[in-house]
C-alpha atoms as a PDB file:
ATOM      1  CA  UNK A   1     -15.525   8.524 -15.865  1.00  0.00           C
ATOM      2  CA  UNK A   2     -16.469   9.319 -12.279  1.00  0.00           C
ATOM      3  CA  UNK A   3     -18.852   6.357 -11.829  1.00  0.00           C
ATOM      4  CA  UNK A   4     -16.164   3.883 -12.895  1.00  0.00           C
ATOM      5  CA  UNK A   5     -13.674   5.500 -10.564  1.00  0.00           C
ATOM      6  CA  UNK A   6     -16.096   5.348  -7.635  1.00  0.00           C
ATOM      7  CA  UNK A   7     -16.797   1.693  -8.419  1.00  0.00           C
ATOM      8  CA  UNK A   8     -13.068   0.850  -8.500  1.00  0.00           C
ATOM      9  CA  UNK A   9     -12.468   2.597  -5.162  1.00  0.00           C
ATOM     10  CA  UNK A  10     -15.526   0.974  -3.583  1.00  0.00           C
ATOM     11  CA  UNK A  11     -14.345  -2.497  -4.666  1.00  0.00           C
ATOM     12  CA  UNK A  12     -10.822  -1.768  -3.394  1.00  0.00           C
ATOM     13  CA  UNK A  13     -12.129  -0.685   0.012  1.00  0.00           C
ATOM     14  CA  UNK A  14     -14.464  -3.696   0.239  1.00  0.00           C
ATOM     15  CA  UNK A  15     -11.596  -6.071  -0.520  1.00  0.00           C
ATOM     16  CA  UNK A  16      -9.306  -4.430   2.030  1.00  0.00           C
ATOM     17  CA  UNK A  17     -11.996  -4.386   4.724  1.00  0.00           C
ATOM     18  CA  UNK A  18     -11.958  -8.202   4.441  1.00  0.00           C
ATOM     19  CA  UNK A  19      -8.193  -8.459   4.033  1.00  0.00           C
ATOM     20  CA  UNK A  20      -5.953  -8.908   1.003  1.00  0.00           C
ATOM     21  CA  UNK A  21      -2.734 -10.915   0.796  1.00  0.00           C
ATOM     22  CA  UNK A  22       0.190  -8.867  -0.502  1.00  0.00           C
ATOM     23  CA  UNK A  23       3.908  -9.553  -0.697  1.00  0.00           C
ATOM     24  CA  UNK A  24       5.925  -7.187   1.464  1.00  0.00           C
ATOM     25  CA  UNK A  25       9.554  -6.745   0.488  1.00  0.00           C
ATOM     26  CA  UNK A  26      11.987  -7.230   3.346  1.00  0.00           C
ATOM     27  CA  UNK A  27      15.520  -5.849   3.595  1.00  0.00           C
ATOM     28  CA  UNK A  28      17.283  -8.815   2.025  1.00  0.00           C
ATOM     29  CA  UNK A  29      14.986  -8.685  -0.996  1.00  0.00           C
ATOM     30  CA  UNK A  30      12.873 -11.648   0.055  1.00  0.00           C
ATOM     31  CA  UNK A  31       9.102 -11.479  -0.231  1.00  0.00           C
ATOM     32  CA  UNK A  32       6.940 -12.177   2.791  1.00  0.00           C
ATOM     33  CA  UNK A  33       3.188 -12.693   2.391  1.00  0.00           C
ATOM     34  CA  UNK A  34       1.197 -10.411   4.683  1.00  0.00           C
ATOM     35  CA  UNK A  35      -2.522  -9.948   5.128  1.00  0.00           C
ATOM     36  CA  UNK A  36      -3.318  -6.263   4.682  1.00  0.00           C
ATOM     37  CA  UNK A  37      -6.576  -4.701   5.718  1.00  0.00           C
ATOM     38  CA  UNK A  38      -8.334  -1.432   6.438  1.00  0.00           C
ATOM     39  CA  UNK A  39     -10.421  -0.764   9.534  1.00  0.00           C
ATOM     40  CA  UNK A  40     -14.095   0.211   9.181  1.00  0.00           C
ATOM     41  CA  UNK A  41     -13.320   3.916   9.649  1.00  0.00           C
ATOM     42  CA  UNK A  42     -10.601   3.756   6.937  1.00  0.00           C
ATOM     43  CA  UNK A  43      -8.257   5.317   9.468  1.00  0.00           C
ATOM     44  CA  UNK A  44      -5.684   2.490   9.645  1.00  0.00           C
ATOM     45  CA  UNK A  45      -3.885   0.322   7.101  1.00  0.00           C
ATOM     46  CA  UNK A  46      -2.827  -2.841   8.922  1.00  0.00           C
ATOM     47  CA  UNK A  47      -0.457  -5.653   8.071  1.00  0.00           C
ATOM     48  CA  UNK A  48      -0.736  -9.032   9.764  1.00  0.00           C
ATOM     49  CA  UNK A  49       2.299 -11.309   9.798  1.00  0.00           C
ATOM     50  CA  UNK A  50       1.804 -14.566  11.656  1.00  0.00           C
ATOM     51  CA  UNK A  51      -0.038 -13.358  14.773  1.00  0.00           C
ATOM     52  CA  UNK A  52       1.439  -9.871  14.814  1.00  0.00           C
ATOM     53  CA  UNK A  53      -0.498  -6.876  13.494  1.00  0.00           C
ATOM     54  CA  UNK A  54       1.168  -3.597  12.592  1.00  0.00           C
ATOM     55  CA  UNK A  55      -1.394  -0.825  12.233  1.00  0.00           C
ATOM     56  CA  UNK A  56      -0.335   2.270  10.304  1.00  0.00           C
ATOM     57  CA  UNK A  57      -2.559   5.311  10.736  1.00  0.00           C
ATOM     58  CA  UNK A  58      -3.603   6.499   7.270  1.00  0.00           C
ATOM     59  CA  UNK A  59      -2.623   9.997   8.395  1.00  0.00           C
ATOM     60  CA  UNK A  60       0.998   8.798   8.639  1.00  0.00           C
ATOM     61  CA  UNK A  61       1.159   7.677   5.003  1.00  0.00           C
ATOM     62  CA  UNK A  62       2.817  10.643   3.297  1.00  0.00           C
ATOM     63  CA  UNK A  63       3.240   9.309  -0.231  1.00  0.00           C
ATOM     64  CA  UNK A  64       2.625   6.337  -2.481  1.00  0.00           C
ATOM     65  CA  UNK A  65       5.589   5.779  -4.814  1.00  0.00           C
ATOM     66  CA  UNK A  66       6.066   3.403  -7.734  1.00  0.00           C
ATOM     67  CA  UNK A  67       8.662   2.755 -10.417  1.00  0.00           C
ATOM     68  CA  UNK A  68      11.512   5.234 -10.695  1.00  0.00           C
ATOM     69  CA  UNK A  69       9.939   7.502  -8.061  1.00  0.00           C
ATOM     70  CA  UNK A  70      11.089   5.043  -5.390  1.00  0.00           C
ATOM     71  CA  UNK A  71      14.760   4.887  -6.262  1.00  0.00           C
ATOM     72  CA  UNK A  72      15.698   8.154  -4.585  1.00  0.00           C
ATOM     73  CA  UNK A  73      14.145   7.077  -1.280  1.00  0.00           C
ATOM     74  CA  UNK A  74      16.490   6.286   1.569  1.00  0.00           C
ATOM     75  CA  UNK A  75      15.564   2.657   1.912  1.00  0.00           C
ATOM     76  CA  UNK A  76      17.601  -0.499   2.324  1.00  0.00           C
ATOM     77  CA  UNK A  77      14.903  -2.500   0.535  1.00  0.00           C
ATOM     78  CA  UNK A  78      15.800  -3.438  -3.055  1.00  0.00           C
ATOM     79  CA  UNK A  79      12.774  -2.104  -4.957  1.00  0.00           C
ATOM     80  CA  UNK A  80      12.072  -2.537  -8.667  1.00  0.00           C
ATOM     81  CA  UNK A  81       9.432  -1.524 -11.205  1.00  0.00           C
ATOM     82  CA  UNK A  82       6.930  -4.019  -9.764  1.00  0.00           C
ATOM     83  CA  UNK A  83       7.081  -2.401  -6.322  1.00  0.00           C
ATOM     84  CA  UNK A  84       4.959   0.180  -4.577  1.00  0.00           C
ATOM     85  CA  UNK A  85       6.428   1.967  -1.569  1.00  0.00           C
ATOM     86  CA  UNK A  86       4.388   3.680   1.119  1.00  0.00           C
ATOM     87  CA  UNK A  87       6.391   6.570   2.556  1.00  0.00           C
ATOM     88  CA  UNK A  88       5.438   7.004   6.191  1.00  0.00           C
ATOM     89  CA  UNK A  89       6.119   9.623   8.830  1.00  0.00           C
ATOM     90  CA  UNK A  90       9.741   9.876  10.004  1.00  0.00           C
ATOM     91  CA  UNK A  91      10.959   8.593   6.601  1.00  0.00           C
ATOM     92  CA  UNK A  92       9.927   5.021   7.329  1.00  0.00           C
ATOM     93  CA  UNK A  93       8.906   3.002   4.286  1.00  0.00           C
ATOM     94  CA  UNK A  94       6.981  -0.172   3.507  1.00  0.00           C
ATOM     95  CA  UNK A  95       7.397  -1.705   0.057  1.00  0.00           C
ATOM     96  CA  UNK A  96       5.122  -4.248  -1.611  1.00  0.00           C
ATOM     97  CA  UNK A  97       5.935  -6.214  -4.736  1.00  0.00           C
ATOM     98  CA  UNK A  98       3.181  -7.054  -7.212  1.00  0.00           C
ATOM     99  CA  UNK A  99       3.062  -9.917  -9.731  1.00  0.00           C
ATOM    100  CA  UNK A 100       1.909  -7.632 -12.554  1.00  0.00           C
ATOM    101  CA  UNK A 101       2.109  -3.972 -13.463  1.00  0.00           C
ATOM    102  CA  UNK A 102      -1.713  -3.891 -13.619  1.00  0.00           C
ATOM    103  CA  UNK A 103      -2.047  -5.018  -9.989  1.00  0.00           C
ATOM    104  CA  UNK A 104       0.684  -2.545  -8.983  1.00  0.00           C
ATOM    105  CA  UNK A 105      -1.049   0.354 -10.741  1.00  0.00           C
ATOM    106  CA  UNK A 106      -4.427  -0.625  -9.292  1.00  0.00           C
ATOM    107  CA  UNK A 107      -3.109  -0.692  -5.723  1.00  0.00           C
ATOM    108  CA  UNK A 108      -1.093   2.530  -6.019  1.00  0.00           C
ATOM    109  CA  UNK A 109      -3.905   4.481  -7.704  1.00  0.00           C
ATOM    110  CA  UNK A 110      -6.511   3.333  -5.176  1.00  0.00           C
ATOM    111  CA  UNK A 111      -4.245   4.102  -2.215  1.00  0.00           C
ATOM    112  CA  UNK A 112      -3.475   7.566  -3.603  1.00  0.00           C
ATOM    113  CA  UNK A 113      -7.153   8.325  -4.173  1.00  0.00           C
ATOM    114  CA  UNK A 114      -8.097   7.011  -0.750  1.00  0.00           C
ATOM    115  CA  UNK A 115      -5.426   9.138   0.941  1.00  0.00           C
ATOM    116  CA  UNK A 116      -6.517  12.170  -1.069  1.00  0.00           C
ATOM    117  CA  UNK A 117     -10.164  11.630  -0.113  1.00  0.00           C
ATOM    118  CA  UNK A 118      -9.292  11.242   3.573  1.00  0.00           C
ATOM    119  CA  UNK A 119      -7.333  14.529   3.589  1.00  0.00           C
ATOM    120  CA  UNK A 120     -10.167  16.496   1.992  1.00  0.00           C
END
């Protein structure tokens, strides 16, 4: 129901305001832990690797793809069914790999809902 959905989104946002460690998939198929976070305005999704921060404007995230929906993307990253790919402007992509399908589905659903809410 709607209250559960709002609660899930609220928890997701709260976690990402503080920062969440995710595994980003790099070109050779290796996983690199990155700290991902949202800014207070929910306008940027940032990834921190070592001391470098890459901020992606939420408006540049075009799609959130999982499973078979990712395989047709023009990406050199070897994705699988445990991956979620953010399709950015100019056909750039960022893929994350999740330890479980539940965590993958949670992230992809929350990102899709957040993007949808920000567009409205």
